[in-house]
Amino acid sequence: MPESEKLKDFLAELLRRGGSDLLLVHGVAAAIRMDGEVQKIGELPLEGSEIESLVQPILTPVAAAQYRAMQIADSSYRIPGLGRFRINLHRERGQAAATIRALPVKVPLLGELRLPVEVGNLAGLRRGLVLIGGAAGAGKSTTLAALVNEINKRDARHIVTIEDPVEYEHQHVRSVIEQVEVGTDAPDFPTALRAALRQAPDVLVVGEMRDPESMAIAVSAAETGHLVLSTLHTTDVSSSISRISDSFPMERQNTIRQELAMAISAVLTQTLLPSRKGGRIPGVELLMIGYGARQHIRRNALQHLHQEITMTKGKGSITFEESLSRLVKDGHLERDEAMEYAAHPDDLKSLLRL
């Protein structure tokens, strides 16, 4: 079988089974990830050289050059009749390996994601920095796309997204949307961000905060009146804030905290949990930033942010334990399961007794 056809068959099987990722690793048969679990779909173990020959030809020219130079590359790929895919080709134990994610055809609606209703308030913000945190595969990009879709349907605004690669392709509805793909339309995130600010966007979407320079530009843009939406690999509200400030040299961290305290409007973190009704469902923590939270960020007293979430529930904040208690009451989680996930078990016990 020609190698391009073999990869196409793997991807077709990924889509047929409704999986999210195709995993190609030396010494093991091809596998896919479904609802967080890995299932083998191939019969014979793959060789690293075979994986490289399957994947390297479909990289964009920029990504192919990056792989030759750095032995790691991200790219996008479209197969007519199948759809779009995000590719990560890398090395492990001296051999080539790849993870290929199926990119959805349809931009999701917020209501389809089974998120708490409070999350919808983020699409109504007019300015400031909105951070969406979560582990890899937690649905951050999906939530981000759904929020952009809400803005697009409701408001006549200029939206610029910067991603590596573009995951969801938005149609122009009420807004005008430009989607910049790093590696194809711009060489890197900082260059794309600086260029985007010259295009006078109302909404700036940064697919992921990866480096201090991008973070500084995004914070500055939010501080000067833009609505900036971005994602981070973090697990809770406090770590999302500290991830940004800690990315800078020690002598700059206090300055960044002062700027961040002024710029930030909300922090959402989410975790996908197995639902007893099937599939996975998000548990979330959401802090709508107010005066108290800004003061804690300025002083680097981030341990107090959990209390701020509790104190600002009337503004749309929600603790992770509140989210878990709703999932228990709706039949998605058993009480004991929820207690295992809770960061503040006593808070959850109190909520479940109500």
Foldseek 3Di string as FASTA:
>chain_A
DPLQVVVVVQLVVCVVVVFFKWKADAPAAIWTHHLRDIDHDGDDGDHLVSQCVNPLVQFDPLQNVCCVVPQWGWGKGADVPRGIKIKIWHDDPRGIIIMIGGFDADQDAPVVQQDPPLLLVLLVDQFFEEEEEAAPPQCRLSSVSNSVVVNQQPDAFEEEEEEQADRYDDDRHNYHYHYHGDSPRHPDQLVVLVVVVVVVGQEYEYAADDALSNLVSQLVRRLVGHYYYYYYHDAADLVVLCVRLVRDPPVCSLVVLLSNLNRHAKYKYWGWDQFPVGRTHIQMWMAGDDDVNSVCSNVVVSVCVQVNLVVVVVVSTDHSLNSLLVSCVVRGDPPVVSCVVDPDNVVNVVSNVD
